[in-house]
N, C-alpha and C. Protein backbone atom coordinates (compact mmCIF):
# COMPACT_ATOMS: atom_id res chain seq x y z
N UNK A 1 54.79 -32.73 -14.70
CA UNK A 1 54.81 -32.65 -13.25
C UNK A 1 53.86 -31.53 -12.80
N UNK A 2 53.11 -31.84 -11.77
CA UNK A 2 52.24 -30.80 -11.22
C UNK A 2 52.91 -30.15 -10.01
N UNK A 3 52.27 -29.13 -9.47
CA UNK A 3 52.91 -28.34 -8.41
C UNK A 3 53.15 -29.16 -7.15
N UNK A 4 52.30 -30.13 -6.86
CA UNK A 4 52.51 -30.95 -5.67
C UNK A 4 53.75 -31.83 -5.82
N UNK A 5 53.97 -32.34 -7.01
CA UNK A 5 55.16 -33.15 -7.25
C UNK A 5 56.42 -32.31 -7.10
N UNK A 6 56.39 -31.10 -7.63
CA UNK A 6 57.56 -30.21 -7.55
C UNK A 6 57.82 -29.81 -6.10
N UNK A 7 56.76 -29.39 -5.40
CA UNK A 7 56.92 -28.98 -4.01
C UNK A 7 57.39 -30.15 -3.14
N UNK A 8 56.86 -31.33 -3.39
CA UNK A 8 57.27 -32.51 -2.63
C UNK A 8 58.73 -32.84 -2.85
N UNK A 9 59.17 -32.78 -4.08
CA UNK A 9 60.58 -33.04 -4.39
C UNK A 9 61.48 -32.00 -3.74
N UNK A 10 61.05 -30.74 -3.78
CA UNK A 10 61.84 -29.67 -3.15
C UNK A 10 61.93 -29.89 -1.64
N UNK A 11 60.84 -30.29 -1.03
CA UNK A 11 60.84 -30.53 0.42
C UNK A 11 61.76 -31.70 0.78
N UNK A 12 61.76 -32.73 -0.07
CA UNK A 12 62.66 -33.85 0.17
C UNK A 12 64.12 -33.42 0.11
N UNK A 13 64.45 -32.56 -0.85
CA UNK A 13 65.82 -32.05 -0.98
C UNK A 13 66.20 -31.25 0.26
N UNK A 14 65.30 -30.36 0.70
CA UNK A 14 65.56 -29.58 1.91
C UNK A 14 65.78 -30.51 3.11
N UNK A 15 65.00 -31.56 3.18
CA UNK A 15 65.15 -32.52 4.27
C UNK A 15 66.49 -33.23 4.23
N UNK A 16 66.93 -33.58 3.05
CA UNK A 16 68.24 -34.23 2.92
C UNK A 16 69.36 -33.29 3.36
N UNK A 17 69.23 -32.01 3.01
CA UNK A 17 70.23 -31.03 3.42
C UNK A 17 70.24 -30.89 4.94
N UNK A 18 69.06 -30.76 5.54
CA UNK A 18 68.99 -30.64 6.99
C UNK A 18 69.55 -31.88 7.68
N UNK A 19 69.24 -33.05 7.14
CA UNK A 19 69.78 -34.28 7.74
C UNK A 19 71.30 -34.31 7.64
N UNK A 20 71.84 -33.92 6.50
CA UNK A 20 73.29 -33.90 6.32
C UNK A 20 73.95 -32.92 7.28
N UNK A 21 73.33 -31.75 7.45
CA UNK A 21 73.86 -30.76 8.40
C UNK A 21 73.83 -31.33 9.81
N UNK A 22 72.75 -31.98 10.15
CA UNK A 22 72.64 -32.60 11.47
C UNK A 22 73.69 -33.66 11.69
N UNK A 23 73.96 -34.46 10.67
CA UNK A 23 75.02 -35.48 10.77
C UNK A 23 76.39 -34.82 10.92
N UNK A 24 76.64 -33.78 10.14
CA UNK A 24 77.95 -33.14 10.15
C UNK A 24 78.23 -32.42 11.46
N UNK A 25 77.19 -31.84 12.04
CA UNK A 25 77.38 -31.08 13.28
C UNK A 25 77.09 -31.91 14.53
N UNK A 26 76.59 -33.11 14.35
CA UNK A 26 76.26 -33.95 15.50
C UNK A 26 75.00 -33.48 16.21
N UNK A 27 74.12 -32.79 15.50
CA UNK A 27 72.89 -32.26 16.08
C UNK A 27 71.73 -33.21 15.78
N UNK A 28 71.31 -34.00 16.76
CA UNK A 28 70.24 -34.98 16.49
C UNK A 28 68.90 -34.31 16.16
N UNK A 29 68.64 -33.13 16.71
CA UNK A 29 67.38 -32.44 16.41
C UNK A 29 67.34 -32.01 14.94
N UNK A 30 68.45 -31.51 14.44
CA UNK A 30 68.53 -31.09 13.03
C UNK A 30 68.38 -32.31 12.12
N UNK A 31 69.00 -33.40 12.50
CA UNK A 31 68.91 -34.63 11.72
C UNK A 31 67.46 -35.12 11.68
N UNK A 32 66.80 -35.09 12.83
CA UNK A 32 65.40 -35.54 12.91
C UNK A 32 64.50 -34.63 12.08
N UNK A 33 64.76 -33.32 12.14
CA UNK A 33 63.97 -32.37 11.34
C UNK A 33 64.10 -32.71 9.86
N UNK A 34 65.30 -33.03 9.43
CA UNK A 34 65.52 -33.39 8.04
C UNK A 34 64.79 -34.65 7.64
N UNK A 35 64.78 -35.61 8.53
CA UNK A 35 64.08 -36.86 8.24
C UNK A 35 62.58 -36.65 8.14
N UNK A 36 62.05 -35.79 9.01
CA UNK A 36 60.62 -35.48 8.96
C UNK A 36 60.29 -34.74 7.66
N UNK A 37 61.14 -33.78 7.30
CA UNK A 37 60.92 -33.04 6.05
C UNK A 37 60.91 -33.99 4.85
N UNK A 38 61.80 -34.95 4.86
CA UNK A 38 61.83 -35.90 3.74
C UNK A 38 60.53 -36.70 3.68
N UNK A 39 60.01 -37.09 4.83
CA UNK A 39 58.74 -37.82 4.87
C UNK A 39 57.59 -36.98 4.36
N UNK A 40 57.54 -35.72 4.78
CA UNK A 40 56.49 -34.81 4.32
C UNK A 40 56.61 -34.60 2.81
N UNK A 41 57.83 -34.42 2.35
CA UNK A 41 58.04 -34.22 0.92
C UNK A 41 57.62 -35.43 0.10
N UNK A 42 57.94 -36.60 0.61
CA UNK A 42 57.56 -37.82 -0.11
C UNK A 42 56.04 -37.96 -0.17
N UNK A 43 55.36 -37.65 0.94
CA UNK A 43 53.90 -37.72 0.96
C UNK A 43 53.29 -36.74 -0.03
N UNK A 44 53.82 -35.53 -0.08
CA UNK A 44 53.29 -34.53 -1.01
C UNK A 44 53.55 -34.94 -2.46
N UNK A 45 54.72 -35.51 -2.71
CA UNK A 45 55.03 -35.97 -4.07
C UNK A 45 54.08 -37.10 -4.49
N UNK A 46 53.82 -38.02 -3.57
CA UNK A 46 52.92 -39.12 -3.89
C UNK A 46 51.50 -38.62 -4.15
N UNK A 47 51.08 -37.61 -3.37
CA UNK A 47 49.77 -37.00 -3.60
C UNK A 47 49.73 -36.39 -5.01
N UNK A 48 50.80 -35.72 -5.38
CA UNK A 48 50.88 -35.14 -6.72
C UNK A 48 50.86 -36.22 -7.80
N UNK A 49 51.54 -37.33 -7.52
CA UNK A 49 51.54 -38.45 -8.47
C UNK A 49 50.12 -38.99 -8.67
N UNK A 50 49.38 -39.12 -7.56
CA UNK A 50 48.01 -39.62 -7.65
C UNK A 50 47.12 -38.65 -8.44
N UNK A 51 47.27 -37.35 -8.18
CA UNK A 51 46.50 -36.36 -8.94
C UNK A 51 46.83 -36.45 -10.42
N UNK A 52 48.11 -36.61 -10.73
CA UNK A 52 48.54 -36.71 -12.12
C UNK A 52 47.96 -37.96 -12.77
N UNK A 53 48.01 -39.07 -12.07
CA UNK A 53 47.46 -40.32 -12.61
C UNK A 53 45.95 -40.20 -12.83
N UNK A 54 45.24 -39.58 -11.88
CA UNK A 54 43.81 -39.41 -12.03
C UNK A 54 43.47 -38.54 -13.22
N UNK A 55 44.26 -37.49 -13.39
CA UNK A 55 44.03 -36.58 -14.51
C UNK A 55 44.24 -37.29 -15.85
N UNK A 56 45.27 -38.14 -15.90
CA UNK A 56 45.59 -38.85 -17.14
C UNK A 56 44.57 -39.92 -17.46
N UNK A 57 43.94 -40.49 -16.42
CA UNK A 57 42.99 -41.58 -16.67
C UNK A 57 41.57 -41.10 -16.91
N UNK A 58 41.34 -39.79 -16.80
CA UNK A 58 40.02 -39.25 -17.11
C UNK A 58 39.72 -39.43 -18.59
N UNK A 59 38.46 -39.82 -18.88
CA UNK A 59 38.11 -40.00 -20.31
C UNK A 59 37.96 -38.72 -21.06
């Protein structure tokens, strides 16, 4: 795993926590923040996956 994959996964976890807190407290802004964080985390993880794949396919 490269640093982008790790950071992306961590961001997704933070987003899930924020979303859960938003659900538990009935705070739609907190829930939305969590959903956005999960999207950002997923994008960063996918970027890391692409970098990893490119590195592995180099001759």
